N, C-alpha and C. Protein backbone atom coordinates (compact mmCIF):
# COMPACT_ATOMS: atom_id res chain seq x y z
N MET A 1 -16.30 43.65 -80.86
CA MET A 1 -17.63 43.31 -81.31
C MET A 1 -17.58 42.24 -82.40
N GLY A 2 -16.49 42.24 -83.18
CA GLY A 2 -16.35 41.25 -84.24
C GLY A 2 -16.25 39.84 -83.69
N ARG A 3 -15.60 39.72 -82.54
CA ARG A 3 -15.49 38.39 -81.92
C ARG A 3 -16.87 37.88 -81.48
N PHE A 4 -17.70 38.80 -81.03
CA PHE A 4 -19.05 38.42 -80.60
C PHE A 4 -19.82 37.80 -81.77
N PHE A 5 -19.78 38.44 -82.92
CA PHE A 5 -20.50 37.92 -84.07
C PHE A 5 -19.87 36.63 -84.59
N ALA A 6 -18.55 36.53 -84.47
CA ALA A 6 -17.89 35.28 -84.87
C ALA A 6 -18.33 34.14 -83.96
N ARG A 7 -18.46 34.42 -82.67
CA ARG A 7 -18.94 33.39 -81.74
C ARG A 7 -20.37 32.99 -82.04
N ILE A 8 -21.20 33.96 -82.37
CA ILE A 8 -22.59 33.65 -82.72
C ILE A 8 -22.62 32.78 -83.98
N ALA A 9 -21.82 33.13 -84.98
CA ALA A 9 -21.78 32.35 -86.22
C ALA A 9 -21.30 30.93 -85.95
N LEU A 10 -20.29 30.80 -85.11
CA LEU A 10 -19.79 29.46 -84.78
C LEU A 10 -20.83 28.66 -83.99
N SER A 11 -21.55 29.33 -83.11
CA SER A 11 -22.59 28.64 -82.34
C SER A 11 -23.71 28.15 -83.25
N ILE A 12 -24.09 28.96 -84.20
CA ILE A 12 -25.15 28.56 -85.14
C ILE A 12 -24.68 27.40 -86.01
N ALA A 13 -23.44 27.48 -86.49
CA ALA A 13 -22.90 26.39 -87.31
C ALA A 13 -22.82 25.10 -86.49
N ALA A 14 -22.38 25.21 -85.24
CA ALA A 14 -22.31 24.02 -84.39
C ALA A 14 -23.70 23.45 -84.13
N LEU A 15 -24.68 24.31 -83.94
CA LEU A 15 -26.05 23.85 -83.74
C LEU A 15 -26.56 23.10 -84.97
N LEU A 16 -26.29 23.63 -86.15
CA LEU A 16 -26.73 22.96 -87.37
C LEU A 16 -26.05 21.60 -87.54
N VAL A 17 -24.77 21.54 -87.22
CA VAL A 17 -24.05 20.26 -87.30
C VAL A 17 -24.64 19.27 -86.30
N MET A 18 -24.98 19.74 -85.10
CA MET A 18 -25.57 18.85 -84.10
C MET A 18 -26.94 18.33 -84.53
N VAL A 19 -27.72 19.17 -85.20
CA VAL A 19 -29.04 18.73 -85.67
C VAL A 19 -28.87 17.64 -86.73
N VAL A 20 -27.96 17.84 -87.65
CA VAL A 20 -27.72 16.83 -88.68
C VAL A 20 -27.21 15.54 -88.04
N ALA A 21 -26.30 15.66 -87.06
CA ALA A 21 -25.78 14.48 -86.38
C ALA A 21 -26.89 13.75 -85.62
N ALA A 22 -27.81 14.50 -85.05
CA ALA A 22 -28.93 13.87 -84.34
C ALA A 22 -29.81 13.08 -85.30
N PHE A 23 -30.06 13.63 -86.49
CA PHE A 23 -30.85 12.90 -87.49
C PHE A 23 -30.14 11.61 -87.90
N ILE A 24 -28.84 11.69 -88.09
CA ILE A 24 -28.08 10.50 -88.47
C ILE A 24 -28.12 9.48 -87.34
N ALA A 25 -27.99 9.94 -86.10
CA ALA A 25 -28.02 9.03 -84.96
C ALA A 25 -29.37 8.32 -84.84
N VAL A 26 -30.45 9.05 -85.06
CA VAL A 26 -31.78 8.43 -85.03
C VAL A 26 -31.88 7.37 -86.12
N GLY A 27 -31.32 7.66 -87.28
CA GLY A 27 -31.32 6.66 -88.35
C GLY A 27 -30.55 5.41 -87.97
N PHE A 28 -29.39 5.57 -87.35
CA PHE A 28 -28.62 4.41 -86.92
C PHE A 28 -29.34 3.62 -85.84
N PHE A 29 -29.96 4.32 -84.89
CA PHE A 29 -30.71 3.62 -83.85
C PHE A 29 -31.90 2.85 -84.44
N ALA A 30 -32.56 3.45 -85.42
CA ALA A 30 -33.68 2.76 -86.06
C ALA A 30 -33.19 1.53 -86.81
N LEU A 31 -32.05 1.66 -87.50
CA LEU A 31 -31.49 0.51 -88.20
C LEU A 31 -31.10 -0.59 -87.22
N ALA A 32 -30.49 -0.21 -86.10
CA ALA A 32 -30.10 -1.21 -85.10
C ALA A 32 -31.33 -1.90 -84.52
N LEU A 33 -32.38 -1.15 -84.25
CA LEU A 33 -33.61 -1.75 -83.74
C LEU A 33 -34.22 -2.70 -84.77
N TYR A 34 -34.21 -2.29 -86.03
CA TYR A 34 -34.74 -3.14 -87.09
C TYR A 34 -33.95 -4.45 -87.18
N LEU A 35 -32.63 -4.35 -87.18
CA LEU A 35 -31.80 -5.55 -87.28
C LEU A 35 -32.01 -6.47 -86.07
N TYR A 36 -32.18 -5.88 -84.90
CA TYR A 36 -32.43 -6.68 -83.71
C TYR A 36 -33.78 -7.40 -83.81
N LEU A 37 -34.81 -6.67 -84.23
CA LEU A 37 -36.13 -7.27 -84.34
C LEU A 37 -36.22 -8.27 -85.49
N ALA A 38 -35.46 -8.03 -86.57
CA ALA A 38 -35.51 -8.92 -87.72
C ALA A 38 -34.96 -10.30 -87.39
N GLY A 39 -34.17 -10.40 -86.34
CA GLY A 39 -33.64 -11.70 -85.93
C GLY A 39 -34.68 -12.57 -85.24
N SER A 40 -35.72 -11.95 -84.72
CA SER A 40 -36.72 -12.73 -83.98
C SER A 40 -38.11 -12.71 -84.61
N MET A 41 -38.28 -11.98 -85.70
CA MET A 41 -39.59 -11.94 -86.38
C MET A 41 -39.36 -11.68 -87.86
N PRO A 42 -40.40 -11.82 -88.66
CA PRO A 42 -40.23 -11.56 -90.10
C PRO A 42 -39.81 -10.10 -90.35
N PRO A 43 -38.96 -9.88 -91.34
CA PRO A 43 -38.46 -8.52 -91.60
C PRO A 43 -39.54 -7.46 -91.83
N PRO A 44 -40.65 -7.77 -92.55
CA PRO A 44 -41.66 -6.73 -92.71
C PRO A 44 -42.29 -6.29 -91.38
N VAL A 45 -42.47 -7.23 -90.48
CA VAL A 45 -43.04 -6.88 -89.17
C VAL A 45 -42.03 -6.05 -88.37
N ALA A 46 -40.76 -6.41 -88.47
CA ALA A 46 -39.72 -5.64 -87.78
C ALA A 46 -39.66 -4.21 -88.32
N ALA A 47 -39.79 -4.06 -89.64
CA ALA A 47 -39.79 -2.73 -90.25
C ALA A 47 -41.01 -1.93 -89.81
N LEU A 48 -42.16 -2.57 -89.72
CA LEU A 48 -43.38 -1.90 -89.27
C LEU A 48 -43.24 -1.41 -87.83
N ILE A 49 -42.72 -2.24 -86.96
CA ILE A 49 -42.55 -1.85 -85.56
C ILE A 49 -41.53 -0.71 -85.44
N THR A 50 -40.43 -0.83 -86.16
CA THR A 50 -39.40 0.20 -86.11
C THR A 50 -39.94 1.53 -86.62
N GLY A 51 -40.63 1.51 -87.74
CA GLY A 51 -41.21 2.74 -88.29
C GLY A 51 -42.23 3.36 -87.36
N THR A 52 -43.04 2.52 -86.74
CA THR A 52 -44.05 3.02 -85.80
C THR A 52 -43.38 3.68 -84.60
N LEU A 53 -42.33 3.08 -84.08
CA LEU A 53 -41.63 3.67 -82.94
C LEU A 53 -40.96 5.00 -83.30
N VAL A 54 -40.39 5.08 -84.50
CA VAL A 54 -39.77 6.34 -84.92
C VAL A 54 -40.84 7.42 -85.08
N LEU A 55 -41.99 7.06 -85.65
CA LEU A 55 -43.07 8.04 -85.79
C LEU A 55 -43.61 8.47 -84.42
N LEU A 56 -43.72 7.55 -83.49
CA LEU A 56 -44.17 7.90 -82.14
C LEU A 56 -43.18 8.85 -81.47
N LEU A 57 -41.89 8.60 -81.67
CA LEU A 57 -40.88 9.50 -81.13
C LEU A 57 -41.02 10.90 -81.73
N ALA A 58 -41.26 10.96 -83.03
CA ALA A 58 -41.43 12.26 -83.69
C ALA A 58 -42.67 12.99 -83.17
N VAL A 59 -43.77 12.26 -82.98
CA VAL A 59 -45.00 12.88 -82.47
C VAL A 59 -44.78 13.40 -81.05
N VAL A 60 -44.10 12.63 -80.22
CA VAL A 60 -43.83 13.06 -78.86
C VAL A 60 -42.97 14.32 -78.86
N LEU A 61 -41.95 14.36 -79.71
CA LEU A 61 -41.10 15.54 -79.78
C LEU A 61 -41.87 16.76 -80.27
N VAL A 62 -42.76 16.58 -81.24
CA VAL A 62 -43.56 17.70 -81.73
C VAL A 62 -44.49 18.21 -80.64
N LEU A 63 -45.11 17.30 -79.91
CA LEU A 63 -46.03 17.72 -78.85
C LEU A 63 -45.30 18.41 -77.70
N VAL A 64 -44.12 17.93 -77.38
CA VAL A 64 -43.38 18.53 -76.27
C VAL A 64 -42.84 19.91 -76.64
N THR A 65 -42.39 20.08 -77.87
CA THR A 65 -41.77 21.34 -78.28
C THR A 65 -42.73 22.31 -78.93
N ARG A 66 -43.99 21.98 -79.01
CA ARG A 66 -44.98 22.86 -79.64
C ARG A 66 -45.17 24.12 -78.79
N PRO A 67 -45.15 25.29 -79.42
CA PRO A 67 -45.36 26.51 -78.65
C PRO A 67 -46.80 26.58 -78.12
N ARG A 68 -46.91 27.10 -76.93
CA ARG A 68 -48.24 27.21 -76.31
C ARG A 68 -48.87 28.54 -76.69
N ARG A 69 -50.19 28.57 -76.72
CA ARG A 69 -50.90 29.81 -77.05
C ARG A 69 -50.74 30.81 -75.91
N GLY A 70 -50.52 32.04 -76.29
CA GLY A 70 -50.38 33.09 -75.29
C GLY A 70 -49.06 33.05 -74.55
N TYR A 71 -48.17 32.18 -74.95
CA TYR A 71 -46.89 32.04 -74.25
C TYR A 71 -45.96 33.20 -74.56
N ARG A 72 -45.97 33.65 -75.79
CA ARG A 72 -45.05 34.67 -76.24
C ARG A 72 -45.73 36.04 -76.22
N PRO A 73 -45.20 36.98 -75.48
CA PRO A 73 -45.82 38.31 -75.49
C PRO A 73 -45.57 39.00 -76.83
N ARG A 74 -46.53 39.74 -77.26
CA ARG A 74 -46.42 40.44 -78.54
C ARG A 74 -46.52 41.93 -78.30
N LEU A 75 -45.91 42.68 -79.21
CA LEU A 75 -46.04 44.12 -79.14
C LEU A 75 -47.47 44.51 -79.50
N SER A 76 -48.08 45.29 -78.67
CA SER A 76 -49.44 45.73 -78.97
C SER A 76 -49.41 47.17 -79.45
N ASP A 77 -50.52 47.60 -79.98
CA ASP A 77 -50.60 48.98 -80.46
C ASP A 77 -50.59 49.97 -79.30
N ALA A 78 -50.90 49.50 -78.09
CA ALA A 78 -50.93 50.37 -76.93
C ALA A 78 -49.52 50.74 -76.46
N GLU A 79 -48.51 49.96 -76.83
CA GLU A 79 -47.15 50.26 -76.42
C GLU A 79 -46.65 51.49 -77.17
N PRO A 80 -45.77 52.21 -76.56
CA PRO A 80 -45.29 53.44 -77.22
C PRO A 80 -44.48 53.12 -78.47
N ALA A 81 -44.53 54.04 -79.40
CA ALA A 81 -43.81 53.86 -80.65
C ALA A 81 -42.30 53.90 -80.42
N SER A 82 -41.87 54.48 -79.30
CA SER A 82 -40.42 54.57 -79.04
C SER A 82 -39.80 53.18 -78.86
N ALA A 83 -40.56 52.23 -78.30
CA ALA A 83 -40.03 50.88 -78.14
C ALA A 83 -39.82 50.24 -79.50
N ARG A 84 -40.76 50.40 -80.40
CA ARG A 84 -40.61 49.86 -81.75
C ARG A 84 -39.49 50.57 -82.51
N GLN A 85 -39.38 51.89 -82.30
CA GLN A 85 -38.32 52.65 -82.96
C GLN A 85 -36.95 52.21 -82.46
N SER A 86 -36.83 51.97 -81.16
CA SER A 86 -35.55 51.51 -80.60
C SER A 86 -35.18 50.14 -81.15
N ALA A 87 -36.16 49.26 -81.27
CA ALA A 87 -35.89 47.93 -81.83
C ALA A 87 -35.46 48.04 -83.28
N ALA A 88 -36.08 48.93 -84.03
CA ALA A 88 -35.70 49.12 -85.43
C ALA A 88 -34.28 49.67 -85.54
N GLU A 89 -33.93 50.61 -84.68
CA GLU A 89 -32.58 51.17 -84.71
C GLU A 89 -31.54 50.11 -84.32
N LEU A 90 -31.87 49.32 -83.32
CA LEU A 90 -30.96 48.25 -82.90
C LEU A 90 -30.76 47.24 -84.04
N GLY A 91 -31.84 46.86 -84.71
CA GLY A 91 -31.73 45.94 -85.84
C GLY A 91 -30.92 46.52 -86.97
N GLY A 92 -31.10 47.81 -87.24
CA GLY A 92 -30.32 48.48 -88.29
C GLY A 92 -28.84 48.50 -87.97
N GLU A 93 -28.51 48.82 -86.70
CA GLU A 93 -27.11 48.86 -86.28
C GLU A 93 -26.49 47.46 -86.34
N LEU A 94 -27.24 46.46 -85.91
CA LEU A 94 -26.75 45.09 -85.96
C LEU A 94 -26.50 44.67 -87.41
N GLY A 95 -27.39 45.03 -88.31
CA GLY A 95 -27.21 44.71 -89.72
C GLY A 95 -25.98 45.38 -90.31
N ARG A 96 -25.76 46.65 -89.96
CA ARG A 96 -24.57 47.35 -90.47
C ARG A 96 -23.29 46.70 -89.97
N ARG A 97 -23.27 46.32 -88.70
CA ARG A 97 -22.05 45.70 -88.15
C ARG A 97 -21.81 44.33 -88.76
N LEU A 98 -22.87 43.56 -88.96
CA LEU A 98 -22.70 42.25 -89.60
C LEU A 98 -22.19 42.41 -91.03
N GLN A 99 -22.70 43.41 -91.73
CA GLN A 99 -22.26 43.65 -93.10
C GLN A 99 -20.79 44.06 -93.13
N ASP A 100 -20.39 44.93 -92.20
CA ASP A 100 -18.98 45.33 -92.13
C ASP A 100 -18.08 44.14 -91.81
N MET A 101 -18.53 43.28 -90.89
CA MET A 101 -17.74 42.11 -90.53
C MET A 101 -17.62 41.16 -91.73
N ALA A 102 -18.70 40.98 -92.46
CA ALA A 102 -18.67 40.09 -93.63
C ALA A 102 -17.74 40.65 -94.71
N ARG A 103 -17.73 41.96 -94.87
CA ARG A 103 -16.84 42.56 -95.87
C ARG A 103 -15.38 42.44 -95.46
N SER A 104 -15.09 42.56 -94.16
CA SER A 104 -13.70 42.50 -93.72
C SER A 104 -13.17 41.07 -93.66
N HIS A 105 -14.05 40.09 -93.53
CA HIS A 105 -13.65 38.68 -93.48
C HIS A 105 -14.35 37.91 -94.59
N THR A 106 -14.00 38.23 -95.82
CA THR A 106 -14.73 37.65 -96.96
C THR A 106 -14.57 36.14 -97.05
N THR A 107 -13.38 35.62 -96.80
CA THR A 107 -13.16 34.17 -96.92
C THR A 107 -13.96 33.42 -95.86
N GLY A 108 -13.88 33.87 -94.62
CA GLY A 108 -14.63 33.22 -93.54
C GLY A 108 -16.13 33.32 -93.76
N SER A 109 -16.57 34.49 -94.24
CA SER A 109 -18.00 34.67 -94.51
C SER A 109 -18.47 33.74 -95.62
N LEU A 110 -17.64 33.61 -96.65
CA LEU A 110 -17.99 32.73 -97.76
C LEU A 110 -18.07 31.28 -97.30
N LEU A 111 -17.09 30.84 -96.52
CA LEU A 111 -17.10 29.46 -96.03
C LEU A 111 -18.30 29.21 -95.10
N ALA A 112 -18.59 30.17 -94.22
CA ALA A 112 -19.73 30.01 -93.31
C ALA A 112 -21.03 29.94 -94.10
N ALA A 113 -21.16 30.78 -95.13
CA ALA A 113 -22.36 30.75 -95.96
C ALA A 113 -22.48 29.44 -96.73
N LEU A 114 -21.36 28.93 -97.24
CA LEU A 114 -21.40 27.66 -97.96
C LEU A 114 -21.79 26.50 -97.05
N VAL A 115 -21.19 26.46 -95.85
CA VAL A 115 -21.52 25.39 -94.91
C VAL A 115 -22.98 25.47 -94.49
N ALA A 116 -23.43 26.68 -94.14
CA ALA A 116 -24.82 26.84 -93.73
C ALA A 116 -25.78 26.50 -94.88
N GLY A 117 -25.45 26.92 -96.09
CA GLY A 117 -26.29 26.60 -97.24
C GLY A 117 -26.35 25.11 -97.52
N PHE A 118 -25.22 24.45 -97.37
CA PHE A 118 -25.19 23.00 -97.58
C PHE A 118 -26.05 22.29 -96.55
N ILE A 119 -25.89 22.68 -95.28
CA ILE A 119 -26.65 22.03 -94.21
C ILE A 119 -28.14 22.27 -94.38
N VAL A 120 -28.53 23.49 -94.71
CA VAL A 120 -29.95 23.78 -94.92
C VAL A 120 -30.47 23.07 -96.17
N GLY A 121 -29.62 22.95 -97.19
CA GLY A 121 -30.04 22.26 -98.41
C GLY A 121 -30.21 20.77 -98.22
N VAL A 122 -29.48 20.18 -97.29
CA VAL A 122 -29.56 18.74 -97.06
C VAL A 122 -30.86 18.36 -96.35
N SER A 123 -31.33 19.23 -95.47
CA SER A 123 -32.47 18.87 -94.61
C SER A 123 -33.71 19.69 -94.96
N PRO A 124 -34.71 19.07 -95.60
CA PRO A 124 -35.94 19.80 -95.90
C PRO A 124 -36.68 20.22 -94.63
N LYS A 125 -36.60 19.41 -93.57
CA LYS A 125 -37.28 19.77 -92.32
C LYS A 125 -36.64 21.01 -91.71
N LEU A 126 -35.32 21.08 -91.74
CA LEU A 126 -34.63 22.25 -91.22
C LEU A 126 -34.98 23.48 -92.05
N ARG A 127 -35.08 23.30 -93.36
CA ARG A 127 -35.44 24.40 -94.24
C ARG A 127 -36.83 24.93 -93.91
N SER A 128 -37.79 24.03 -93.72
CA SER A 128 -39.15 24.49 -93.39
C SER A 128 -39.19 25.10 -91.99
N PHE A 129 -38.38 24.56 -91.04
CA PHE A 129 -38.32 25.13 -89.70
C PHE A 129 -37.81 26.57 -89.76
N LEU A 130 -36.74 26.81 -90.52
CA LEU A 130 -36.20 28.16 -90.64
C LEU A 130 -37.18 29.10 -91.33
N LEU A 131 -37.91 28.61 -92.32
CA LEU A 131 -38.92 29.44 -92.98
C LEU A 131 -40.05 29.79 -92.00
N ASP A 132 -40.43 28.84 -91.16
CA ASP A 132 -41.46 29.13 -90.15
C ASP A 132 -40.99 30.19 -89.18
N ILE A 133 -39.71 30.13 -88.79
CA ILE A 133 -39.17 31.15 -87.88
C ILE A 133 -39.19 32.51 -88.54
N LEU A 134 -38.83 32.58 -89.82
CA LEU A 134 -38.79 33.86 -90.51
C LEU A 134 -40.19 34.43 -90.72
N LYS A 135 -41.21 33.59 -90.78
CA LYS A 135 -42.58 34.06 -90.97
C LYS A 135 -43.17 34.68 -89.72
N LEU A 136 -42.59 34.38 -88.54
CA LEU A 136 -43.11 34.95 -87.30
C LEU A 136 -42.88 36.41 -87.34
């Protein structure tokens, strides 16, 4: 079971690294587009076009990835309490196992926490995204 949680932790860390790399790549592409356009038009106009295209890309991504209403089923009061109780027990057991794993692998846990904290601290958008997930 410890390997399972280690794989999950590695997957999350890899995902965070990929998100940061994607932001850096978008920055490089925007810089390349700006430099290309600056050769054929005044630099302020090239900057305006580049910024507009980056904002349009962001709007398209937000619209495409926006959750739809009624898409996610929710637990209703009509469902039996046993389903909620089972979910609570499963969450409690998962928490205990994660805590035991963190205690047995203190160095790895510390490094994973430092890397994750650094990555979340670097990106305000990622920080707000994670806060939105936790508020659900």
